Amino acid sequence: MRLVQFTPTARRDVLEIWEYTARESVAAADRVVAAIEAATRRLSELPGIGHTRPDVADNRYRFWRVYSYLVACRFTDAELTVVRVAHGAQDMRRVLHE
């Protein structure tokens, strides 16, 4: 299994998602973050299950949907790096600064 790393920006994304969701329900916020963490563990085991996006030029990125969010990651044989966690309605090219 690959080591899972979150960039500082991705960590901030997850915290902001939790804070936003917790305004309505702390339990729901905890569920969303737990689902993101579970998805990253699964992606570390099978990164090929992530999909590419035609609107993102760099094919090294893989994406996985968790609720209404997209986990954007890159991987090597040893590591999975979560680059961003963004709402699926956002322009991913802009989010990734392409």
PDB file of N, CA and C in Angstrom:
ATOM      1  N   MET A   1       0.839  -1.176   0.000  1.00  0.00           N
ATOM      2  CA  MET A   1       0.000   0.000   0.000  1.00  0.00           C
ATOM      3  C   MET A   1       0.890   1.248   0.000  1.00  0.00           C
ATOM      4  N   ARG A   2       0.476   2.242  -0.765  1.00  0.00           N
ATOM      5  CA  ARG A   2       1.227   3.485  -0.847  1.00  0.00           C
ATOM      6  C   ARG A   2       1.012   4.338   0.406  1.00  0.00           C
ATOM      7  N   LEU A   3       2.021   5.110   0.730  1.00  0.00           N
ATOM      8  CA  LEU A   3       1.908   6.111   1.776  1.00  0.00           C
ATOM      9  C   LEU A   3       0.975   7.207   1.272  1.00  0.00           C
ATOM     10  N   VAL A   4       0.056   7.683   2.103  1.00  0.00           N
ATOM     11  CA  VAL A   4      -0.864   8.756   1.710  1.00  0.00           C
ATOM     12  C   VAL A   4      -0.367  10.070   2.310  1.00  0.00           C
ATOM     13  N   GLN A   5      -0.182  11.047   1.450  1.00  0.00           N
ATOM     14  CA  GLN A   5       0.227  12.383   1.864  1.00  0.00           C
ATOM     15  C   GLN A   5      -0.815  13.390   1.387  1.00  0.00           C
ATOM     16  N   PHE A   6      -1.123  14.376   2.213  1.00  0.00           N
ATOM     17  CA  PHE A   6      -1.979  15.494   1.824  1.00  0.00           C
ATOM     18  C   PHE A   6      -1.101  16.727   1.723  1.00  0.00           C
ATOM     19  N   THR A   7      -1.226  17.475   0.634  1.00  0.00           N
ATOM     20  CA  THR A   7      -0.519  18.748   0.569  1.00  0.00           C
ATOM     21  C   THR A   7      -1.134  19.674   1.621  1.00  0.00           C
ATOM     22  N   PRO A   8      -0.417  20.718   2.024  1.00  0.00           N
ATOM     23  CA  PRO A   8      -1.016  21.674   2.965  1.00  0.00           C
ATOM     24  C   PRO A   8      -2.329  22.260   2.429  1.00  0.00           C
ATOM     25  N   THR A   9      -2.399  22.500   1.135  1.00  0.00           N
ATOM     26  CA  THR A   9      -3.623  23.039   0.537  1.00  0.00           C
ATOM     27  C   THR A   9      -4.766  22.038   0.649  1.00  0.00           C
ATOM     28  N   ALA A  10      -4.488  20.763   0.405  1.00  0.00           N
ATOM     29  CA  ALA A  10      -5.521  19.734   0.517  1.00  0.00           C
ATOM     30  C   ALA A  10      -5.989  19.595   1.959  1.00  0.00           C
ATOM     31  N   ARG A  11      -5.072  19.699   2.911  1.00  0.00           N
ATOM     32  CA  ARG A  11      -5.466  19.645   4.330  1.00  0.00           C
ATOM     33  C   ARG A  11      -6.395  20.813   4.661  1.00  0.00           C
ATOM     34  N   ARG A  12      -6.061  21.980   4.142  1.00  0.00           N
ATOM     35  CA  ARG A  12      -6.907  23.155   4.359  1.00  0.00           C
ATOM     36  C   ARG A  12      -8.272  22.955   3.705  1.00  0.00           C
ATOM     37  N   ASP A  13      -8.282  22.365   2.502  1.00  0.00           N
ATOM     38  CA  ASP A  13      -9.552  22.081   1.823  1.00  0.00           C
ATOM     39  C   ASP A  13     -10.452  21.220   2.702  1.00  0.00           C
ATOM     40  N   VAL A  14      -9.887  20.149   3.273  1.00  0.00           N
ATOM     41  CA  VAL A  14     -10.678  19.225   4.095  1.00  0.00           C
ATOM     42  C   VAL A  14     -11.190  19.937   5.347  1.00  0.00           C
ATOM     43  N   LEU A  15     -10.356  20.747   5.963  1.00  0.00           N
ATOM     44  CA  LEU A  15     -10.788  21.501   7.140  1.00  0.00           C
ATOM     45  C   LEU A  15     -11.925  22.460   6.787  1.00  0.00           C
ATOM     46  N   GLU A  16     -11.811  23.145   5.663  1.00  0.00           N
ATOM     47  CA  GLU A  16     -12.861  24.073   5.235  1.00  0.00           C
ATOM     48  C   GLU A  16     -14.158  23.336   4.920  1.00  0.00           C
ATOM     49  N   ILE A  17     -14.054  22.163   4.319  1.00  0.00           N
ATOM     50  CA  ILE A  17     -15.247  21.347   4.049  1.00  0.00           C
ATOM     51  C   ILE A  17     -15.908  20.962   5.368  1.00  0.00           C
ATOM     52  N   TRP A  18     -15.094  20.535   6.340  1.00  0.00           N
ATOM     53  CA  TRP A  18     -15.655  20.157   7.637  1.00  0.00           C
ATOM     54  C   TRP A  18     -16.341  21.362   8.285  1.00  0.00           C
ATOM     55  N   GLU A  19     -15.674  22.501   8.298  1.00  0.00           N
ATOM     56  CA  GLU A  19     -16.245  23.690   8.941  1.00  0.00           C
ATOM     57  C   GLU A  19     -17.544  24.116   8.268  1.00  0.00           C
ATOM     58  N   TYR A  20     -17.572  24.094   6.951  1.00  0.00           N
ATOM     59  CA  TYR A  20     -18.780  24.484   6.219  1.00  0.00           C
ATOM     60  C   TYR A  20     -19.929  23.528   6.534  1.00  0.00           C
ATOM     61  N   THR A  21     -19.658  22.237   6.479  1.00  0.00           N
ATOM     62  CA  THR A  21     -20.696  21.239   6.709  1.00  0.00           C
ATOM     63  C   THR A  21     -21.145  21.242   8.167  1.00  0.00           C
ATOM     64  N   ALA A  22     -20.218  21.501   9.089  1.00  0.00           N
ATOM     65  CA  ALA A  22     -20.537  21.488  10.519  1.00  0.00           C
ATOM     66  C   ALA A  22     -21.479  22.611  10.922  1.00  0.00           C
ATOM     67  N   ARG A  23     -21.599  23.640  10.106  1.00  0.00           N
ATOM     68  CA  ARG A  23     -22.565  24.706  10.408  1.00  0.00           C
ATOM     69  C   ARG A  23     -23.974  24.143  10.507  1.00  0.00           C
ATOM     70  N   GLU A  24     -24.237  23.116   9.705  1.00  0.00           N
ATOM     71  CA  GLU A  24     -25.548  22.465   9.716  1.00  0.00           C
ATOM     72  C   GLU A  24     -25.561  21.227  10.610  1.00  0.00           C
ATOM     73  N   SER A  25     -24.449  20.454  10.570  1.00  0.00           N
ATOM     74  CA  SER A  25     -24.423  19.207  11.327  1.00  0.00           C
ATOM     75  C   SER A  25     -22.982  18.736  11.514  1.00  0.00           C
ATOM     76  N   VAL A  26     -22.559  18.675  12.774  1.00  0.00           N
ATOM     77  CA  VAL A  26     -21.217  18.165  13.069  1.00  0.00           C
ATOM     78  C   VAL A  26     -21.116  16.693  12.666  1.00  0.00           C
ATOM     79  N   ALA A  27     -22.172  15.947  12.903  1.00  0.00           N
ATOM     80  CA  ALA A  27     -22.163  14.524  12.535  1.00  0.00           C
ATOM     81  C   ALA A  27     -21.994  14.356  11.023  1.00  0.00           C
ATOM     82  N   ALA A  28     -22.678  15.175  10.242  1.00  0.00           N
ATOM     83  CA  ALA A  28     -22.543  15.108   8.782  1.00  0.00           C
ATOM     84  C   ALA A  28     -21.131  15.505   8.357  1.00  0.00           C
ATOM     85  N   ALA A  29     -20.582  16.520   8.996  1.00  0.00           N
ATOM     86  CA  ALA A  29     -19.217  16.949   8.682  1.00  0.00           C
ATOM     87  C   ALA A  29     -18.227  15.822   8.960  1.00  0.00           C
ATOM     88  N   ASP A  30     -18.424  15.147  10.088  1.00  0.00           N
ATOM     89  CA  ASP A  30     -17.550  14.009  10.416  1.00  0.00           C
ATOM     90  C   ASP A  30     -17.684  12.893   9.385  1.00  0.00           C
ATOM     91  N   ARG A  31     -18.909  12.637   8.916  1.00  0.00           N
ATOM     92  CA  ARG A  31     -19.124  11.590   7.901  1.00  0.00           C
ATOM     93  C   ARG A  31     -18.430  11.947   6.588  1.00  0.00           C
ATOM     94  N   VAL A  32     -18.515  13.200   6.171  1.00  0.00           N
ATOM     95  CA  VAL A  32     -17.889  13.619   4.918  1.00  0.00           C
ATOM     96  C   VAL A  32     -16.368  13.445   5.006  1.00  0.00           C
ATOM     97  N   VAL A  33     -15.774  13.913   6.102  1.00  0.00           N
ATOM     98  CA  VAL A  33     -14.321  13.789   6.255  1.00  0.00           C
ATOM     99  C   VAL A  33     -13.912  12.320   6.344  1.00  0.00           C
ATOM    100  N   ALA A  34     -14.678  11.514   7.046  1.00  0.00           N
ATOM    101  CA  ALA A  34     -14.376  10.077   7.119  1.00  0.00           C
ATOM    102  C   ALA A  34     -14.456   9.435   5.738  1.00  0.00           C
ATOM    103  N   ALA A  35     -15.416   9.847   4.928  1.00  0.00           N
ATOM    104  CA  ALA A  35     -15.543   9.305   3.570  1.00  0.00           C
ATOM    105  C   ALA A  35     -14.362   9.734   2.702  1.00  0.00           C
ATOM    106  N   ILE A  36     -13.899  10.962   2.873  1.00  0.00           N
ATOM    107  CA  ILE A  36     -12.721  11.429   2.121  1.00  0.00           C
ATOM    108  C   ILE A  36     -11.499  10.610   2.529  1.00  0.00           C
ATOM    109  N   GLU A  37     -11.331  10.388   3.830  1.00  0.00           N
ATOM    110  CA  GLU A  37     -10.195   9.597   4.302  1.00  0.00           C
ATOM    111  C   GLU A  37     -10.276   8.155   3.805  1.00  0.00           C
ATOM    112  N   ALA A  38     -11.465   7.573   3.815  1.00  0.00           N
ATOM    113  CA  ALA A  38     -11.636   6.206   3.307  1.00  0.00           C
ATOM    114  C   ALA A  38     -11.324   6.136   1.820  1.00  0.00           C
ATOM    115  N   ALA A  39     -11.747   7.144   1.081  1.00  0.00           N
ATOM    116  CA  ALA A  39     -11.475   7.169  -0.363  1.00  0.00           C
ATOM    117  C   ALA A  39      -9.981   7.257  -0.636  1.00  0.00           C
ATOM    118  N   THR A  40      -9.263   8.059   0.140  1.00  0.00           N
ATOM    119  CA  THR A  40      -7.825   8.175  -0.090  1.00  0.00           C
ATOM    120  C   THR A  40      -7.110   6.866   0.252  1.00  0.00           C
ATOM    121  N   ARG A  41      -7.583   6.159   1.283  1.00  0.00           N
ATOM    122  CA  ARG A  41      -6.982   4.849   1.584  1.00  0.00           C
ATOM    123  C   ARG A  41      -7.217   3.885   0.426  1.00  0.00           C
ATOM    124  N   ARG A  42      -8.433   3.880  -0.101  1.00  0.00           N
ATOM    125  CA  ARG A  42      -8.749   2.995  -1.234  1.00  0.00           C
ATOM    126  C   ARG A  42      -7.912   3.371  -2.456  1.00  0.00           C
ATOM    127  N   LEU A  43      -7.797   4.661  -2.720  1.00  0.00           N
ATOM    128  CA  LEU A  43      -6.985   5.111  -3.851  1.00  0.00           C
ATOM    129  C   LEU A  43      -5.510   4.741  -3.666  1.00  0.00           C
ATOM    130  N   SER A  44      -5.037   4.739  -2.432  1.00  0.00           N
ATOM    131  CA  SER A  44      -3.636   4.357  -2.205  1.00  0.00           C
ATOM    132  C   SER A  44      -3.409   2.894  -2.558  1.00  0.00           C
ATOM    133  N   GLU A  45      -4.449   2.072  -2.384  1.00  0.00           N
ATOM    134  CA  GLU A  45      -4.341   0.660  -2.719  1.00  0.00           C
ATOM    135  C   GLU A  45      -4.506   0.413  -4.218  1.00  0.00           C
ATOM    136  N   LEU A  46      -5.420   1.163  -4.840  1.00  0.00           N
ATOM    137  CA  LEU A  46      -5.750   0.977  -6.264  1.00  0.00           C
ATOM    138  C   LEU A  46      -5.872   2.334  -6.962  1.00  0.00           C
ATOM    139  N   PRO A  47      -4.780   3.055  -7.152  1.00  0.00           N
ATOM    140  CA  PRO A  47      -4.888   4.404  -7.714  1.00  0.00           C
ATOM    141  C   PRO A  47      -5.457   4.440  -9.127  1.00  0.00           C
ATOM    142  N   GLY A  48      -5.369   3.350  -9.835  1.00  0.00           N
ATOM    143  CA  GLY A  48      -5.901   3.304 -11.190  1.00  0.00           C
ATOM    144  C   GLY A  48      -7.407   3.414 -11.253  1.00  0.00           C
ATOM    145  N   ILE A  49      -8.097   3.249 -10.098  1.00  0.00           N
ATOM    146  CA  ILE A  49      -9.552   3.391 -10.116  1.00  0.00           C
ATOM    147  C   ILE A  49      -9.962   4.850 -10.237  1.00  0.00           C
ATOM    148  N   GLY A  50      -9.047   5.747  -9.922  1.00  0.00           N
ATOM    149  CA  GLY A  50      -9.338   7.159 -10.125  1.00  0.00           C
ATOM    150  C   GLY A  50      -9.426   7.451 -11.611  1.00  0.00           C
ATOM    151  N   HIS A  51     -10.171   8.479 -11.960  1.00  0.00           N
ATOM    152  CA  HIS A  51     -10.343   8.796 -13.377  1.00  0.00           C
ATOM    153  C   HIS A  51      -9.605  10.090 -13.718  1.00  0.00           C
ATOM    154  N   THR A  52      -9.284  10.230 -14.997  1.00  0.00           N
ATOM    155  CA  THR A  52      -8.733  11.484 -15.494  1.00  0.00           C
ATOM    156  C   THR A  52      -9.907  12.359 -15.914  1.00  0.00           C
ATOM    157  N   ARG A  53      -9.627  13.594 -16.238  1.00  0.00           N
ATOM    158  CA  ARG A  53     -10.674  14.517 -16.682  1.00  0.00           C
ATOM    159  C   ARG A  53     -10.227  15.179 -17.974  1.00  0.00           C
ATOM    160  N   PRO A  54     -11.111  15.259 -18.956  1.00  0.00           N
ATOM    161  CA  PRO A  54     -10.721  15.875 -20.223  1.00  0.00           C
ATOM    162  C   PRO A  54     -10.408  17.370 -20.094  1.00  0.00           C
ATOM    163  N   ASP A  55     -10.935  18.009 -19.049  1.00  0.00           N
ATOM    164  CA  ASP A  55     -10.677  19.439 -18.873  1.00  0.00           C
ATOM    165  C   ASP A  55      -9.367  19.705 -18.134  1.00  0.00           C
ATOM    166  N   VAL A  56      -8.676  18.675 -17.675  1.00  0.00           N
ATOM    167  CA  VAL A  56      -7.391  18.826 -16.990  1.00  0.00           C
ATOM    168  C   VAL A  56      -6.319  18.216 -17.885  1.00  0.00           C
ATOM    169  N   ALA A  57      -5.400  19.042 -18.338  1.00  0.00           N
ATOM    170  CA  ALA A  57      -4.406  18.611 -19.323  1.00  0.00           C
ATOM    171  C   ALA A  57      -3.401  17.600 -18.756  1.00  0.00           C
ATOM    172  N   ASP A  58      -3.044  17.731 -17.498  1.00  0.00           N
ATOM    173  CA  ASP A  58      -2.031  16.871 -16.902  1.00  0.00           C
ATOM    174  C   ASP A  58      -2.651  15.523 -16.534  1.00  0.00           C
ATOM    175  N   ASN A  59      -2.342  14.491 -17.303  1.00  0.00           N
ATOM    176  CA  ASN A  59      -2.923  13.164 -17.083  1.00  0.00           C
ATOM    177  C   ASN A  59      -2.360  12.433 -15.871  1.00  0.00           C
ATOM    178  N   ARG A  60      -1.412  13.051 -15.180  1.00  0.00           N
ATOM    179  CA  ARG A  60      -0.908  12.429 -13.957  1.00  0.00           C
ATOM    180  C   ARG A  60      -1.906  12.574 -12.810  1.00  0.00           C
ATOM    181  N   TYR A  61      -2.857  13.494 -12.940  1.00  0.00           N
ATOM    182  CA  TYR A  61      -3.881  13.645 -11.904  1.00  0.00           C
ATOM    183  C   TYR A  61      -4.932  12.560 -12.055  1.00  0.00           C
ATOM    184  N   ARG A  62      -5.394  12.049 -10.930  1.00  0.00           N
ATOM    185  CA  ARG A  62      -6.527  11.141 -10.876  1.00  0.00           C
ATOM    186  C   ARG A  62      -7.555  11.764  -9.942  1.00  0.00           C
ATOM    187  N   PHE A  63      -8.820  11.515 -10.233  1.00  0.00           N
ATOM    188  CA  PHE A  63      -9.912  12.117  -9.473  1.00  0.00           C
ATOM    189  C   PHE A  63     -10.853  11.045  -8.965  1.00  0.00           C
ATOM    190  N   TRP A  64     -11.437  11.319  -7.810  1.00  0.00           N
ATOM    191  CA  TRP A  64     -12.404  10.402  -7.219  1.00  0.00           C
ATOM    192  C   TRP A  64     -13.462  11.236  -6.524  1.00  0.00           C
ATOM    193  N   ARG A  65     -14.723  10.949  -6.802  1.00  0.00           N
ATOM    194  CA  ARG A  65     -15.822  11.711  -6.219  1.00  0.00           C
ATOM    195  C   ARG A  65     -16.179  11.153  -4.845  1.00  0.00           C
ATOM    196  N   VAL A  66     -16.341  12.062  -3.902  1.00  0.00           N
ATOM    197  CA  VAL A  66     -16.812  11.746  -2.559  1.00  0.00           C
ATOM    198  C   VAL A  66     -17.909  12.760  -2.250  1.00  0.00           C
ATOM    199  N   TYR A  67     -19.138  12.286  -2.187  1.00  0.00           N
ATOM    200  CA  TYR A  67     -20.301  13.167  -2.084  1.00  0.00           C
ATOM    201  C   TYR A  67     -20.221  14.168  -3.234  1.00  0.00           C
ATOM    202  N   SER A  68     -20.248  15.464  -2.945  1.00  0.00           N
ATOM    203  CA  SER A  68     -20.210  16.447  -4.028  1.00  0.00           C
ATOM    204  C   SER A  68     -18.798  16.998  -4.249  1.00  0.00           C
ATOM    205  N   TYR A  69     -17.795  16.334  -3.693  1.00  0.00           N
ATOM    206  CA  TYR A  69     -16.415  16.802  -3.780  1.00  0.00           C
ATOM    207  C   TYR A  69     -15.579  15.886  -4.667  1.00  0.00           C
ATOM    208  N   LEU A  70     -14.532  16.451  -5.229  1.00  0.00           N
ATOM    209  CA  LEU A  70     -13.566  15.678  -6.006  1.00  0.00           C
ATOM    210  C   LEU A  70     -12.236  15.673  -5.275  1.00  0.00           C
ATOM    211  N   VAL A  71     -11.702  14.486  -5.059  1.00  0.00           N
ATOM    212  CA  VAL A  71     -10.365  14.336  -4.511  1.00  0.00           C
ATOM    213  C   VAL A  71      -9.434  14.283  -5.714  1.00  0.00           C
ATOM    214  N   ALA A  72      -8.504  15.219  -5.795  1.00  0.00           N
ATOM    215  CA  ALA A  72      -7.527  15.267  -6.882  1.00  0.00           C
ATOM    216  C   ALA A  72      -6.194  14.781  -6.327  1.00  0.00           C
ATOM    217  N   CYS A  73      -5.639  13.742  -6.945  1.00  0.00           N
ATOM    218  CA  CYS A  73      -4.399  13.180  -6.429  1.00  0.00           C
ATOM    219  C   CYS A  73      -3.457  12.790  -7.561  1.00  0.00           C
ATOM    220  N   ARG A  74      -2.213  12.547  -7.165  1.00  0.00           N
ATOM    221  CA  ARG A  74      -1.188  12.013  -8.049  1.00  0.00           C
ATOM    222  C   ARG A  74      -0.532  10.878  -7.298  1.00  0.00           C
ATOM    223  N   PHE A  75       0.033   9.923  -8.024  1.00  0.00           N
ATOM    224  CA  PHE A  75       0.644   8.799  -7.322  1.00  0.00           C
ATOM    225  C   PHE A  75       1.907   8.315  -8.003  1.00  0.00           C
ATOM    226  N   THR A  76       2.729   7.690  -7.173  1.00  0.00           N
ATOM    227  CA  THR A  76       3.915   6.972  -7.631  1.00  0.00           C
ATOM    228  C   THR A  76       3.778   5.553  -7.081  1.00  0.00           C
ATOM    229  N   ASP A  77       4.786   4.726  -7.308  1.00  0.00           N
ATOM    230  CA  ASP A  77       4.751   3.367  -6.766  1.00  0.00           C
ATOM    231  C   ASP A  77       4.731   3.379  -5.239  1.00  0.00           C
ATOM    232  N   ALA A  78       5.297   4.415  -4.624  1.00  0.00           N
ATOM    233  CA  ALA A  78       5.438   4.437  -3.171  1.00  0.00           C
ATOM    234  C   ALA A  78       4.453   5.356  -2.456  1.00  0.00           C
ATOM    235  N   GLU A  79       3.850   6.306  -3.172  1.00  0.00           N
ATOM    236  CA  GLU A  79       3.097   7.356  -2.479  1.00  0.00           C
ATOM    237  C   GLU A  79       1.893   7.838  -3.278  1.00  0.00           C
ATOM    238  N   LEU A  80       0.832   8.168  -2.565  1.00  0.00           N
ATOM    239  CA  LEU A  80      -0.330   8.841  -3.137  1.00  0.00           C
ATOM    240  C   LEU A  80      -0.372  10.225  -2.500  1.00  0.00           C
ATOM    241  N   THR A  81      -0.358  11.264  -3.317  1.00  0.00           N
ATOM    242  CA  THR A  81      -0.410  12.625  -2.810  1.00  0.00           C
ATOM    243  C   THR A  81      -1.751  13.239  -3.171  1.00  0.00           C
ATOM    244  N   VAL A  82      -2.514  13.607  -2.154  1.00  0.00           N
ATOM    245  CA  VAL A  82      -3.771  14.312  -2.356  1.00  0.00           C
ATOM    246  C   VAL A  82      -3.413  15.777  -2.535  1.00  0.00           C
ATOM    247  N   VAL A  83      -3.696  16.296  -3.717  1.00  0.00           N
ATOM    248  CA  VAL A  83      -3.307  17.649  -4.069  1.00  0.00           C
ATOM    249  C   VAL A  83      -4.379  18.651  -3.672  1.00  0.00           C
ATOM    250  N   ARG A  84      -5.641  18.323  -3.953  1.00  0.00           N
ATOM    251  CA  ARG A  84      -6.768  19.202  -3.611  1.00  0.00           C
ATOM    252  C   ARG A  84      -7.999  18.351  -3.345  1.00  0.00           C
ATOM    253  N   VAL A  85      -8.923  18.920  -2.594  1.00  0.00           N
ATOM    254  CA  VAL A  85     -10.248  18.354  -2.410  1.00  0.00           C
ATOM    255  C   VAL A  85     -11.194  19.522  -2.635  1.00  0.00           C
ATOM    256  N   ALA A  86     -11.906  19.506  -3.746  1.00  0.00           N
ATOM    257  CA  ALA A  86     -12.697  20.661  -4.161  1.00  0.00           C
ATOM    258  C   ALA A  86     -14.115  20.242  -4.521  1.00  0.00           C
ATOM    259  N   HIS A  87     -15.023  21.185  -4.417  1.00  0.00           N
ATOM    260  CA  HIS A  87     -16.405  20.916  -4.818  1.00  0.00           C
ATOM    261  C   HIS A  87     -16.413  20.580  -6.305  1.00  0.00           C
ATOM    262  N   GLY A  88     -17.190  19.587  -6.682  1.00  0.00           N
ATOM    263  CA  GLY A  88     -17.227  19.115  -8.063  1.00  0.00           C
ATOM    264  C   GLY A  88     -17.687  20.138  -9.075  1.00  0.00           C
ATOM    265  N   ALA A  89     -18.368  21.200  -8.625  1.00  0.00           N
ATOM    266  CA  ALA A  89     -18.836  22.236  -9.553  1.00  0.00           C
ATOM    267  C   ALA A  89     -17.743  23.245  -9.892  1.00  0.00           C
ATOM    268  N   GLN A  90     -16.631  23.180  -9.182  1.00  0.00           N
ATOM    269  CA  GLN A  90     -15.558  24.125  -9.448  1.00  0.00           C
ATOM    270  C   GLN A  90     -14.815  23.771 -10.737  1.00  0.00           C
ATOM    271  N   ASP A  91     -14.185  24.758 -11.319  1.00  0.00           N
ATOM    272  CA  ASP A  91     -13.348  24.579 -12.498  1.00  0.00           C
ATOM    273  C   ASP A  91     -12.033  23.947 -12.041  1.00  0.00           C
ATOM    274  N   MET A  92     -11.858  22.659 -12.308  1.00  0.00           N
ATOM    275  CA  MET A  92     -10.688  21.954 -11.795  1.00  0.00           C
ATOM    276  C   MET A  92      -9.382  22.469 -12.389  1.00  0.00           C
ATOM    277  N   ARG A  93      -9.405  22.945 -13.604  1.00  0.00           N
ATOM    278  CA  ARG A  93      -8.180  23.527 -14.167  1.00  0.00           C
ATOM    279  C   ARG A  93      -7.745  24.729 -13.341  1.00  0.00           C
ATOM    280  N   ARG A  94      -8.693  25.531 -12.944  1.00  0.00           N
ATOM    281  CA  ARG A  94      -8.378  26.705 -12.124  1.00  0.00           C
ATOM    282  C   ARG A  94      -7.942  26.268 -10.718  1.00  0.00           C
ATOM    283  N   VAL A  95      -8.647  25.311 -10.152  1.00  0.00           N
ATOM    284  CA  VAL A  95      -8.311  24.811  -8.816  1.00  0.00           C
ATOM    285  C   VAL A  95      -6.873  24.283  -8.781  1.00  0.00           C
ATOM    286  N   LEU A  96      -6.470  23.589  -9.849  1.00  0.00           N
ATOM    287  CA  LEU A  96      -5.123  23.002  -9.922  1.00  0.00           C
ATOM    288  C   LEU A  96      -4.103  23.964 -10.512  1.00  0.00           C
ATOM    289  N   HIS A  97      -4.529  25.169 -10.837  1.00  0.00           N
ATOM    290  CA  HIS A  97      -3.649  26.211 -11.391  1.00  0.00           C
ATOM    291  C   HIS A  97      -2.987  25.777 -12.702  1.00  0.00           C
ATOM    292  N   GLU A  98      -3.752  25.125 -13.569  1.00  0.00           N
ATOM    293  CA  GLU A  98      -3.220  24.717 -14.876  1.00  0.00           C
ATOM    294  C   GLU A  98      -3.336  25.876 -15.848  1.00  0.00           C
TER     295      GLU A  98
END
